């Protein structure tokens, strides 16, 4: 009987806006407008005229200004910077590869030794 009573007791909802969420009190209730992943067809006019993004921008600015989130944001920015660098290098490589492959046979044959040596690449 005691076990059955424990099952019916209502547990606290971990997703309820309580101000004690991860990242220093940020909870779903504190974030203002829903993100685009939660947008519905009725949100489309606000998305198209930019009002939807303004509410998100404001809530993100508030989040970014909290000192407890500074380390997390810096870590994410470093990660994005590294990813952008990798993408830039891949784009340059693809552009160079396209130029080499579009060159005539003799030009490709002349540049091949440089491409095979990692120092000269």
Foldseek 3Di string as FASTA:
>chain_A
DVVVVVVPDDDDDLQPQDQPDPQRRDGPVQQFQDDPVPDDPVCVVCVVVVVSVVSNVVSVVVSCPDPSCVVVVVVVVVVVVVVVVVVVVVVVVVVVVVVLVVDDPVSVVVCVVQVVDPVSD
